[in-house]
Amino acid sequence: LGTFVEDVDGLLALLERTGTVISGSSALHLVQAKARSVGLRDMDIYATLEFEDEVMNHFKAAEGYKVTSKGGRKQGYDTSAVQKVCELDKEGKKVDIIITDWPNVIMPVLQYHSTAVMNYITAHSLVCLYPQWTKEKKSLVNPRMYLEDGTNVRGVMALMKYVRRGFQVTTEPF
């Protein structure tokens, strides 16, 4: 977490106070830390609509991030649980704040394209929903991908990103 914030304790307090979580490659980086299979390019913060302003203000005021894009859906977040994505930057460090209007921030994580990225960091824990598969670099495609027309170019590109990282991606359980 120290890669993206100067005040890690402040970030953890924010996560605890707001129920916000960190997911995406930052969480996978910790799950796969020994394998070093995932480099950190950005940090994805998931917050509910209720805490959007507080989370945004924390990154702007306490950490010095600047908003580069606020509002619409970002490509790659094709899920009903994501209302909008706000992109922030500080000296090349990128933070995406993903806002859901669902009452629980975990809903977008459960709608990810595959099990490899169904991981998240809370104020007190690291959660990996498929620990054995993730450890073995195996990833099952979320049935939503093909049941809800997620097999578009963006969906396939998202899956290919993890194939390039050494994951065995399949539509059949292992």
Protein backbone atom coordinates (compact mmCIF):
# COMPACT_ATOMS: atom_id res chain seq x y z
CA LEU A 1 0.00 0.00 0.00
CA GLY A 2 2.95 2.26 0.66
CA THR A 3 3.56 2.39 -3.09
CA PHE A 4 0.46 4.58 -3.48
CA VAL A 5 0.04 6.37 -0.15
CA GLU A 6 2.38 8.06 2.29
CA ASP A 7 0.08 7.52 5.27
CA VAL A 8 -0.79 3.81 5.29
CA ASP A 9 -2.40 4.07 8.74
CA GLY A 10 -4.59 6.90 7.45
CA LEU A 11 -5.68 4.76 4.50
CA LEU A 12 -6.48 1.82 6.78
CA ALA A 13 -8.51 4.11 9.05
CA LEU A 14 -10.42 5.32 5.96
CA LEU A 15 -11.11 1.72 4.92
CA GLU A 16 -12.40 0.89 8.40
CA ARG A 17 -14.53 4.03 8.77
CA THR A 18 -16.18 3.78 5.35
CA GLY A 19 -16.23 0.04 4.65
CA THR A 20 -14.16 0.73 1.54
CA VAL A 21 -11.94 -2.02 0.13
CA ILE A 22 -8.95 -2.29 -2.20
CA SER A 23 -9.19 -4.84 -5.00
CA GLY A 24 -7.76 -5.50 -8.44
CA SER A 25 -4.06 -5.97 -9.02
CA SER A 26 -3.12 -4.52 -5.61
CA ALA A 27 -4.95 -7.31 -3.80
CA LEU A 28 -3.72 -9.95 -6.25
CA HIS A 29 -0.17 -8.65 -5.76
CA LEU A 30 -0.42 -9.52 -2.05
CA VAL A 31 -2.03 -12.90 -2.71
CA GLN A 32 0.68 -13.72 -5.27
CA ALA A 33 3.50 -11.93 -3.41
CA LYS A 34 5.84 -14.91 -3.39
CA ALA A 35 5.36 -15.56 -7.09
CA ARG A 36 5.80 -11.85 -7.94
CA SER A 37 3.50 -12.42 -10.86
CA VAL A 38 1.64 -9.16 -10.64
CA GLY A 39 3.30 -5.76 -10.87
CA LEU A 40 1.63 -2.76 -9.32
CA ARG A 41 0.46 -0.26 -11.91
CA ASP A 42 -2.48 1.24 -10.06
CA MET A 43 -4.64 0.82 -6.99
CA ASP A 44 -8.39 0.20 -7.22
CA ILE A 45 -10.45 1.51 -4.31
CA TYR A 46 -14.09 0.37 -4.05
CA ALA A 47 -16.47 2.66 -2.18
CA THR A 48 -20.21 3.05 -1.86
CA LEU A 49 -21.94 6.16 -3.16
CA GLU A 50 -22.52 7.22 0.45
CA PHE A 51 -18.75 7.57 1.05
CA GLU A 52 -17.64 8.82 -2.37
CA ASP A 53 -16.87 12.36 -1.19
CA GLU A 54 -15.00 11.24 1.93
CA VAL A 55 -12.82 8.80 -0.02
CA MET A 56 -12.13 11.33 -2.80
CA ASN A 57 -11.29 14.05 -0.27
CA HIS A 58 -8.87 11.74 1.54
CA PHE A 59 -6.86 11.05 -1.60
CA LYS A 60 -6.88 14.69 -2.69
CA ALA A 61 -6.22 16.40 0.66
CA ALA A 62 -4.24 13.84 2.66
CA GLU A 63 -2.30 12.22 -0.19
CA GLY A 64 -2.03 14.99 -2.80
CA TYR A 65 -3.73 13.20 -5.70
CA LYS A 66 -5.30 15.15 -8.56
CA VAL A 67 -8.50 14.05 -10.29
CA THR A 68 -7.83 13.25 -13.96
CA SER A 69 -11.27 11.88 -14.80
CA LYS A 70 -14.46 11.82 -12.79
CA GLY A 71 -17.75 10.42 -13.76
CA GLY A 72 -18.44 7.85 -16.43
CA ARG A 73 -17.80 4.18 -16.54
CA LYS A 74 -14.29 3.18 -17.47
CA GLN A 75 -13.72 0.48 -20.05
CA GLY A 76 -13.08 -2.80 -18.33
CA TYR A 77 -15.68 -2.22 -15.63
CA ASP A 78 -18.67 -3.73 -17.43
CA THR A 79 -20.79 -4.53 -14.43
CA SER A 80 -24.11 -3.36 -13.11
CA ALA A 81 -22.57 -2.89 -9.67
CA VAL A 82 -20.23 -0.08 -10.84
CA GLN A 83 -21.87 3.30 -11.08
CA LYS A 84 -18.76 5.30 -11.99
CA VAL A 85 -14.98 5.37 -11.86
CA CYS A 86 -12.95 8.38 -10.75
CA GLU A 87 -9.31 8.38 -11.86
CA LEU A 88 -6.64 10.11 -9.78
CA ASP A 89 -2.93 10.65 -10.36
CA LYS A 90 0.04 11.76 -8.30
CA GLU A 91 3.44 11.81 -9.99
CA GLY A 92 2.56 8.86 -12.21
CA LYS A 93 0.91 6.86 -9.43
CA LYS A 94 -2.66 6.03 -10.43
CA VAL A 95 -5.65 5.36 -8.18
CA ASP A 96 -9.07 4.42 -9.52
CA ILE A 97 -11.95 5.01 -7.12
CA ILE A 98 -14.78 2.73 -8.19
CA ILE A 99 -18.16 3.81 -6.88
CA THR A 100 -21.05 1.41 -6.44
CA ASP A 101 -24.62 2.33 -5.61
CA TRP A 102 -25.08 -1.12 -4.08
CA PRO A 103 -25.08 -1.19 -0.25
CA ASN A 104 -21.95 -3.37 -0.16
CA VAL A 105 -18.66 -2.66 -1.93
CA ILE A 106 -18.00 -6.36 -2.47
CA MET A 107 -20.64 -6.66 -5.23
CA PRO A 108 -18.38 -5.39 -8.04
CA VAL A 109 -15.63 -7.78 -6.92
CA LEU A 110 -18.04 -10.72 -7.17
CA GLN A 111 -18.90 -9.65 -10.70
CA TYR A 112 -15.29 -9.67 -11.96
CA HIS A 113 -14.52 -11.57 -15.14
CA SER A 114 -12.77 -14.46 -13.39
CA THR A 115 -11.80 -15.91 -10.04
CA ALA A 116 -8.18 -14.72 -10.31
CA VAL A 117 -9.25 -11.20 -9.37
CA MET A 118 -11.90 -11.98 -6.76
CA ASN A 119 -9.67 -10.74 -3.94
CA TYR A 120 -9.83 -7.66 -1.75
CA ILE A 121 -8.15 -5.89 1.14
CA THR A 122 -10.16 -4.55 4.07
CA ALA A 123 -8.88 -2.47 6.98
CA HIS A 124 -8.02 -5.69 8.83
CA SER A 125 -7.64 -8.51 6.32
CA LEU A 126 -6.75 -9.80 2.90
CA VAL A 127 -9.58 -11.86 1.40
CA CYS A 128 -9.03 -14.33 -1.43
CA LEU A 129 -12.25 -16.04 -2.50
CA TYR A 130 -10.46 -18.82 -4.42
CA PRO A 131 -7.15 -19.25 -2.57
CA GLN A 132 -6.07 -22.64 -3.92
CA TRP A 133 -6.83 -21.81 -7.54
CA THR A 134 -5.24 -18.37 -7.25
CA LYS A 135 -2.12 -19.85 -5.62
CA GLU A 136 -1.87 -22.36 -8.48
CA LYS A 137 -2.52 -19.60 -11.06
CA LYS A 138 -5.81 -21.12 -12.13
CA SER A 139 -8.79 -18.94 -12.93
CA LEU A 140 -12.38 -19.87 -13.69
CA VAL A 141 -14.29 -17.51 -15.96
CA ASN A 142 -17.32 -15.99 -14.26
CA PRO A 143 -20.44 -17.38 -16.03
CA ARG A 144 -21.71 -13.78 -16.25
CA MET A 145 -19.15 -13.30 -19.03
CA TYR A 146 -21.05 -15.46 -21.48
CA LEU A 147 -24.53 -15.34 -19.97
CA GLU A 148 -24.67 -11.53 -20.09
CA ASP A 149 -22.75 -10.93 -23.33
CA GLY A 150 -19.45 -10.24 -21.57
CA THR A 151 -17.57 -12.04 -24.32
CA ASN A 152 -16.95 -8.77 -26.12
CA VAL A 153 -13.46 -7.55 -26.97
CA ARG A 154 -12.98 -5.81 -23.59
CA GLY A 155 -13.96 -8.97 -21.72
CA VAL A 156 -11.63 -11.14 -23.73
CA MET A 157 -8.79 -8.62 -23.32
CA ALA A 158 -9.30 -8.64 -19.55
CA LEU A 159 -9.00 -12.43 -19.51
CA MET A 160 -5.95 -12.36 -21.80
CA LYS A 161 -4.19 -10.01 -19.37
CA TYR A 162 -4.20 -12.83 -16.83
CA VAL A 163 -3.22 -15.47 -19.39
CA ARG A 164 -0.14 -13.29 -20.12
CA ARG A 165 0.56 -13.27 -16.37
CA GLY A 166 0.72 -17.05 -16.38
CA PHE A 167 -2.82 -17.95 -15.31
CA GLN A 168 -4.61 -20.95 -16.77
CA VAL A 169 -8.03 -19.47 -17.61
CA THR A 170 -10.92 -21.85 -18.24
CA THR A 171 -14.70 -22.04 -18.36
CA GLU A 172 -14.72 -25.48 -16.72
CA PRO A 173 -14.01 -26.00 -12.98
CA PHE A 174 -10.64 -27.54 -12.16
